[in-house]
Structures are given as structure tokens and as C-alpha cells.
């Protein structure tokens, strides 16, 4: 079984890139399960019901979120009813939505879990203890376990990879929007990459308009960040899993640039 995980989709440029690239990915990897991080999809902050429907219609089978989950206030109107969208499981008890979900496939169900780091991010419940709790609760029910760890610090992401080695089919990092060249298979069979990267404006700074970010760094004055326009780049990762054991057998980073992408 293959899973394609698409990095943080940022704004309208990111949505444009997804629409351009996804048909080719589906042709190249038929029957692959497609998951995307959508926490920046609405103008760089959060997601709307309309955008989620757009992603599902294009072939995305599940959406993970992160620290911008609540930025679009309408999310409270639909997140409880959307069983294909998950927010970090280690948000406090009673938080709307769900932290994990099931994806049905022809070779077995996938347990998809979303977690958020705590280093350089708001202090929420412990992601390590929370994932242990989920895995104990769902023990022996799933052959495939896939984790999106939305975190700032590379050390925290790497720690989560080792924490789940042999217990998850794959652990991917999101949030920092820069694709890392460290995809590997850990000793006990868990596929891992520190950050998948992003889908969105190529010439901004992490997807934001760069002059505003530069002004912030140069002056330390308050400034409003907005999503950049222009050319896109597209980052994702594809994992191949053993159908019998759920262990990762291979991984490949995907990186497209609008100027170089060959449209189908």
C-alpha cells in the first residue's frame, strides 16, 4: 500500500498548486491513499468547509491540521461532523473535533493521528503521552498507523520518530514549511521525515509575502503577514508499506516547481 502525504497547503496559491499537481500524482501512484495538511489553506490561517470540500472532490481522502486549526471561526460549525478532518489529538479534553480517524483501504484500515509539538508552540497536553494513550486504546486494531506531528523543533520531531519506531508505519513532520532531506526507514520499520515541506508560494518566506517578514526581522515592529502571490512549489512524500505487516518499505520525497512541472 502507498500513502502520499502532501505538506502544508498555503493559501490560494497552494490550492492552485494542488489542483495542478494532484491529477499527475494520482496517475503515477494509482490506488495510493492521499492525505494533506490543510491548516494554512484559507489565506494562510485555518481552513473553511468550502476548501475542505474542494480538497475531497480532488481526491484528498483525509485532512490534518495544526496550531492554526481555530483561526477560521466557521470551523466550529463543521469540524465535529467531518470524520475525514482531524486536529491535534493533544488539544485539551473537550476540544471540538477529533484527533484521529480511520481510513479504509483494500488491504486494511489506516489509523491516522494528528499531534502538535510543544517546543516554541503554545503549551498543550503532552503529544508523547497522548499518542501512547491512543495506541493503547486502539491496540491491535490497525495494521497501518500514520502520524502527522505538527511541530516547530526538529529535535522534538526526531524524538517522536524514535518514540514511535516499530509502533507506527510512518511519522511525518509538518509546520515548518521547509522540506528536509532526511527521509528514512527507522530500524523497527517506521518511515520518517522531519518535515514534508509546503505547497504554496515559492518566492515568499514560508509562504508569506517576504517584504513584511523582512520588515519584522529588521525592525522588530508589529506587522501583518499575508500570503504571497506568484509561482508555486509543491512538496510531498510517498511511502510504500508492506501489505501484511504495515512496515514501511520505501519512501520518496516529491518536489515540484511551477516553472518545471510538466502538466498532464
Protein backbone atom coordinates (compact mmCIF):
# COMPACT_ATOMS: atom_id res chain seq x y z
CA UNK A 1 0.00 0.00 0.00
CA UNK A 2 1.11 3.53 -0.76
CA UNK A 3 0.32 6.74 1.09
CA UNK A 4 1.01 10.16 -0.40
CA UNK A 5 1.23 12.85 2.24
CA UNK A 6 1.08 16.45 0.98
CA UNK A 7 2.78 19.19 3.00
CA UNK A 8 1.03 22.26 4.43
CA UNK A 9 -1.16 23.81 1.71
CA UNK A 10 -0.82 27.59 1.98
CA UNK A 11 -3.46 29.97 0.66
CA UNK A 12 -4.90 30.28 -2.82
CA UNK A 13 -1.53 29.66 -4.47
CA UNK A 14 -1.23 26.38 -2.58
CA UNK A 15 -4.74 25.39 -3.61
CA UNK A 16 -3.88 26.20 -7.21
CA UNK A 17 -0.77 24.01 -6.97
CA UNK A 18 -2.76 21.11 -5.53
CA UNK A 19 -5.26 21.31 -8.37
CA UNK A 20 -2.42 21.34 -10.91
CA UNK A 21 -0.34 18.50 -9.48
CA UNK A 22 -2.81 16.05 -7.97
CA UNK A 23 -4.05 14.52 -11.26
CA UNK A 24 -0.47 13.59 -12.20
CA UNK A 25 0.19 12.10 -8.77
CA UNK A 26 -2.96 10.01 -9.00
CA UNK A 27 -1.86 8.72 -12.41
CA UNK A 28 1.66 7.99 -11.19
CA UNK A 29 0.54 6.29 -7.97
CA UNK A 30 -2.83 4.66 -8.68
CA UNK A 31 -4.71 3.44 -5.60
CA UNK A 32 -2.46 5.45 -3.26
CA UNK A 33 -4.15 6.95 -0.21
CA UNK A 34 -3.84 10.75 -0.33
CA UNK A 35 -3.60 12.81 2.88
CA UNK A 36 -2.87 16.54 3.12
CA UNK A 37 -2.19 19.06 5.84
CA UNK A 38 -4.72 21.88 5.38
CA UNK A 39 -4.17 24.13 8.38
CA UNK A 40 -2.92 27.06 6.25
CA UNK A 41 -5.32 26.60 3.33
CA UNK A 42 -7.55 29.63 3.99
CA UNK A 43 -5.40 32.73 3.43
CA UNK A 44 -2.59 31.06 5.38
CA UNK A 45 -4.63 30.58 8.55
CA UNK A 46 -7.00 27.70 9.11
CA UNK A 47 -9.45 26.04 6.73
CA UNK A 48 -13.07 26.53 5.68
CA UNK A 49 -15.76 23.99 4.86
CA UNK A 50 -15.71 25.06 1.19
CA UNK A 51 -11.97 24.49 0.92
CA UNK A 52 -12.26 21.10 2.61
CA UNK A 53 -14.97 20.07 0.11
CA UNK A 54 -12.72 21.25 -2.71
CA UNK A 55 -9.86 19.05 -1.47
CA UNK A 56 -12.08 16.00 -1.07
CA UNK A 57 -13.51 16.46 -4.57
CA UNK A 58 -9.99 16.48 -5.98
CA UNK A 59 -9.12 13.17 -4.32
CA UNK A 60 -7.71 14.06 -0.89
CA UNK A 61 -9.01 11.37 1.48
CA UNK A 62 -8.16 12.98 4.82
CA UNK A 63 -7.03 16.38 6.12
CA UNK A 64 -4.78 17.04 9.11
CA UNK A 65 -4.48 20.39 10.87
CA UNK A 66 -2.24 22.10 13.44
CA UNK A 67 -1.79 25.25 15.50
CA UNK A 68 -3.94 27.33 13.10
CA UNK A 69 -6.90 24.95 13.43
CA UNK A 70 -9.19 27.55 15.04
CA UNK A 71 -8.23 30.63 13.00
CA UNK A 72 -11.31 30.44 10.76
CA UNK A 73 -14.22 30.78 13.17
CA UNK A 74 -16.58 28.77 10.97
CA UNK A 75 -14.57 25.63 11.79
CA UNK A 76 -16.66 25.26 14.94
CA UNK A 77 -19.71 24.79 12.71
CA UNK A 78 -18.42 21.73 10.85
CA UNK A 79 -15.36 20.09 12.43
CA UNK A 80 -17.42 17.76 14.64
CA UNK A 81 -19.30 16.45 11.59
CA UNK A 82 -16.31 15.89 9.30
CA UNK A 83 -14.83 12.49 10.12
CA UNK A 84 -12.11 12.91 7.47
CA UNK A 85 -10.62 16.02 9.11
CA UNK A 86 -8.54 15.77 12.29
CA UNK A 87 -6.93 18.35 14.56
CA UNK A 88 -4.07 17.68 17.02
CA UNK A 89 -5.15 14.94 19.41
CA UNK A 90 -3.29 16.54 22.32
CA UNK A 91 -5.52 19.61 22.42
CA UNK A 92 -7.22 19.60 25.84
CA UNK A 93 -10.15 17.24 26.51
CA UNK A 94 -13.45 18.67 25.35
CA UNK A 95 -11.94 20.47 22.36
CA UNK A 96 -14.19 20.23 19.25
CA UNK A 97 -13.27 17.77 16.53
CA UNK A 98 -11.24 14.58 16.71
CA UNK A 99 -7.53 13.85 16.95
CA UNK A 100 -7.51 10.65 14.95
CA UNK A 101 -9.61 8.85 12.38
CA UNK A 102 -9.81 5.69 10.29
CA UNK A 103 -9.20 5.45 6.55
CA UNK A 104 -10.49 2.28 4.91
CA UNK A 105 -8.35 0.67 2.18
CA UNK A 106 -8.45 -2.58 0.23
CA UNK A 107 -5.61 -4.06 2.32
CA UNK A 108 -6.60 -2.85 5.77
CA UNK A 109 -7.63 0.24 7.70
CA UNK A 110 -5.23 3.11 8.46
CA UNK A 111 -5.23 4.77 11.87
CA UNK A 112 -4.41 8.42 11.09
CA UNK A 113 -3.26 10.50 14.08
CA UNK A 114 -2.56 14.24 14.29
CA UNK A 115 -0.34 15.64 17.07
CA UNK A 116 1.13 19.06 17.87
CA UNK A 117 4.50 19.78 19.42
CA UNK A 118 5.05 21.97 22.47
CA UNK A 119 8.55 23.36 21.89
CA UNK A 120 8.21 27.00 20.67
CA UNK A 121 4.43 26.47 20.35
CA UNK A 122 1.57 27.02 22.83
CA UNK A 123 1.74 24.69 25.83
CA UNK A 124 -0.87 21.98 25.33
CA UNK A 125 -1.07 18.37 26.51
CA UNK A 126 1.94 16.09 26.02
CA UNK A 127 1.98 14.63 22.49
CA UNK A 128 4.12 11.66 23.56
CA UNK A 129 1.76 10.57 26.29
CA UNK A 130 -1.27 11.26 24.10
CA UNK A 131 -0.09 9.09 21.23
CA UNK A 132 0.71 6.29 23.70
CA UNK A 133 -2.83 6.59 25.03
CA UNK A 134 -4.34 6.39 21.54
CA UNK A 135 -2.23 3.39 20.53
CA UNK A 136 -3.11 1.56 23.73
CA UNK A 137 -6.79 2.31 23.22
CA UNK A 138 -6.69 1.12 19.58
CA UNK A 139 -4.26 -1.74 20.28
CA UNK A 140 -4.11 -4.47 17.60
CA UNK A 141 -6.98 -2.95 15.62
CA UNK A 142 -4.90 -1.37 12.85
CA UNK A 143 -2.15 -2.73 10.64
CA UNK A 144 -1.22 0.75 9.45
CA UNK A 145 -0.63 3.73 11.75
CA UNK A 146 0.24 7.10 10.19
CA UNK A 147 1.15 10.15 12.30
CA UNK A 148 1.35 13.82 11.30
CA UNK A 149 3.39 15.56 14.01
CA UNK A 150 2.86 19.31 13.59
CA UNK A 151 5.83 20.77 15.45
CA UNK A 152 8.40 23.56 15.35
CA UNK A 153 11.55 21.96 16.74
CA UNK A 154 13.41 19.39 14.67
CA UNK A 155 14.59 17.72 17.87
CA UNK A 156 11.02 17.17 19.03
CA UNK A 157 10.04 15.71 15.67
CA UNK A 158 13.02 13.36 15.59
CA UNK A 159 12.24 12.31 19.15
CA UNK A 160 8.69 11.43 18.11
CA UNK A 161 10.01 9.33 15.24
CA UNK A 162 12.14 7.28 17.63
CA UNK A 163 9.32 7.17 20.18
CA UNK A 164 7.05 5.51 17.61
CA UNK A 165 9.60 3.35 15.78
CA UNK A 166 8.05 -0.07 15.34
CA UNK A 167 4.64 1.16 16.51
CA UNK A 168 3.75 3.42 13.56
CA UNK A 169 4.03 2.76 9.85
CA UNK A 170 5.19 6.35 9.33
CA UNK A 171 5.75 9.61 11.19
CA UNK A 172 5.87 12.83 9.18
CA UNK A 173 6.67 16.32 10.43
CA UNK A 174 4.75 19.39 9.31
CA UNK A 175 4.55 23.10 10.25
CA UNK A 176 7.99 24.49 9.35
CA UNK A 177 7.24 24.54 5.58
CA UNK A 178 10.80 23.58 4.52
CA UNK A 179 11.23 20.08 3.14
CA UNK A 180 14.01 18.21 4.93
CA UNK A 181 16.25 15.73 3.11
CA UNK A 182 16.24 13.13 5.89
CA UNK A 183 13.51 10.70 4.85
CA UNK A 184 14.47 7.24 6.05
CA UNK A 185 13.18 3.99 7.47
CA UNK A 186 13.94 3.63 11.18
CA UNK A 187 15.32 0.30 12.46
CA UNK A 188 11.95 -1.15 13.52
CA UNK A 189 10.24 -0.31 10.21
CA UNK A 190 8.78 3.18 10.68
CA UNK A 191 9.06 5.59 7.77
CA UNK A 192 10.15 9.05 8.86
CA UNK A 193 10.81 12.58 7.58
CA UNK A 194 11.34 15.66 9.78
CA UNK A 195 9.30 17.99 7.57
CA UNK A 196 7.37 17.28 4.39
CA UNK A 197 7.54 20.92 3.27
CA UNK A 198 4.74 23.07 1.90
CA UNK A 199 2.50 23.62 -1.10
CA UNK A 200 2.22 27.28 -1.97
CA UNK A 201 4.12 30.46 -2.86
CA UNK A 202 7.68 29.67 -3.87
CA UNK A 203 9.21 33.12 -3.51
CA UNK A 204 7.71 34.18 -0.21
CA UNK A 205 9.09 33.32 3.23
CA UNK A 206 7.38 30.13 4.39
CA UNK A 207 4.53 31.15 2.10
CA UNK A 208 4.17 34.70 3.44
CA UNK A 209 4.89 37.89 1.50
CA UNK A 210 8.59 38.38 2.05
CA UNK A 211 8.82 42.16 2.45
CA UNK A 212 6.58 42.06 5.51
CA UNK A 213 8.65 39.26 7.05
CA UNK A 214 11.89 41.09 6.31
CA UNK A 215 10.47 44.26 7.88
CA UNK A 216 9.59 42.29 11.02
CA UNK A 217 13.10 40.87 11.31
CA UNK A 218 14.77 44.21 10.59
CA UNK A 219 12.68 46.38 12.92
CA UNK A 220 11.04 44.02 15.43
CA UNK A 221 7.87 46.11 14.95
CA UNK A 222 4.40 44.59 14.64
CA UNK A 223 3.41 43.76 11.07
CA UNK A 224 0.60 41.79 9.48
CA UNK A 225 1.73 38.80 7.43
CA UNK A 226 -0.22 37.93 4.28
CA UNK A 227 0.16 35.00 1.90
CA UNK A 228 2.44 35.73 -1.02
CA UNK A 229 1.33 35.52 -4.65
CA UNK A 230 3.15 34.31 -7.75
CA UNK A 231 4.74 30.97 -8.62
CA UNK A 232 4.16 27.86 -6.54
CA UNK A 233 6.17 24.92 -5.36
CA UNK A 234 4.77 21.58 -4.24
CA UNK A 235 6.22 19.29 -1.56
CA UNK A 236 5.01 15.84 -0.57
CA UNK A 237 6.28 12.39 0.35
CA UNK A 238 5.17 8.96 -0.80
CA UNK A 239 5.57 5.88 1.39
CA UNK A 240 5.26 2.25 0.35
CA UNK A 241 4.13 -0.13 3.11
CA UNK A 242 4.14 -3.90 3.38
CA UNK A 243 0.54 -5.06 2.97
CA UNK A 244 0.97 -7.85 5.50
CA UNK A 245 2.93 -6.17 8.30
CA UNK A 246 2.27 -2.43 7.82
CA UNK A 247 6.01 -1.73 7.98
CA UNK A 248 7.48 0.92 5.70
CA UNK A 249 9.49 -0.48 2.79
CA UNK A 250 10.41 2.71 0.95
CA UNK A 251 9.89 6.47 0.90
CA UNK A 252 10.43 9.13 -1.74
CA UNK A 253 10.29 12.89 -1.44
CA UNK A 254 8.26 14.77 -4.04
CA UNK A 255 9.29 18.29 -5.01
CA UNK A 256 7.82 20.21 -7.95
CA UNK A 257 8.35 23.78 -9.08
CA UNK A 258 5.74 25.53 -11.22
CA UNK A 259 8.32 26.54 -13.83
CA UNK A 260 9.50 22.93 -14.23
CA UNK A 261 6.30 20.97 -13.74
CA UNK A 262 5.04 19.13 -16.80
CA UNK A 263 1.27 19.28 -16.83
CA UNK A 264 -0.56 16.08 -17.75
